[in-house]
């Protein structure tokens, strides 16, 4: 599954666009950020709340050390309560991650998934090496029920064993991170999940499918 387009409400479109262009070195045109095969459309939040949105970006696994050094030169990594700021996930995840804070208190993540192809690039990392938006957080008041709806609507399966609070739906290229709306985001545990006004378009799933939560404000549909 791939996240082809994501519409993100933001308090200041120009400032957020500048962050993605100047800090993360990504191409931006008319408030649209390009990350590999994904596009991030920035729109004014208006009266919608901001903060608590989670996005992850794939980087090639053999470029993760370079990507970490690149990020450390331009942002502060988030840490968990034990002070850890680099996270390795085994099993079906087979990945490693670092987290950082973006505009509007976005919870951003660089993740390297070992099953995906390596890069031929060497030397200093550049933001253009991010290959896609690979995760978006989707809050819910009933994780198991939404997991079932995603399986039925889009034909997606959990990447790893779900819990009552968390279900990663999809694969290495794209995941809907279904999370309990009362569970604060890892690793800092400061922000409750928010997806008000978030619109996501997927490819590689069942055609002509739509799933939304009017109360929590998000919408996911197939390309």
Foldseek 3Di string as FASTA:
>chain_A
DAFQEKEDAAQDLVVQQCCCCPQLVFDDDPSWTDAANHIYHYDHCVPPQFAQKEWEWEAAPVCVVLVVVSNVVRFDWDAAPVRDAKDADDDLQQKIKGWTAGHSRYTYMYMHHHVDDHDPDDDHDHSNRGNHGAEIEDEDQFQVVVQVVCCVQWVWHFSDDDDRAWTWTHHRNHTHIYGYQVFADPDHRPTGHAQAQMETEAEPTDAPGKDDDVVRHYIYHYD
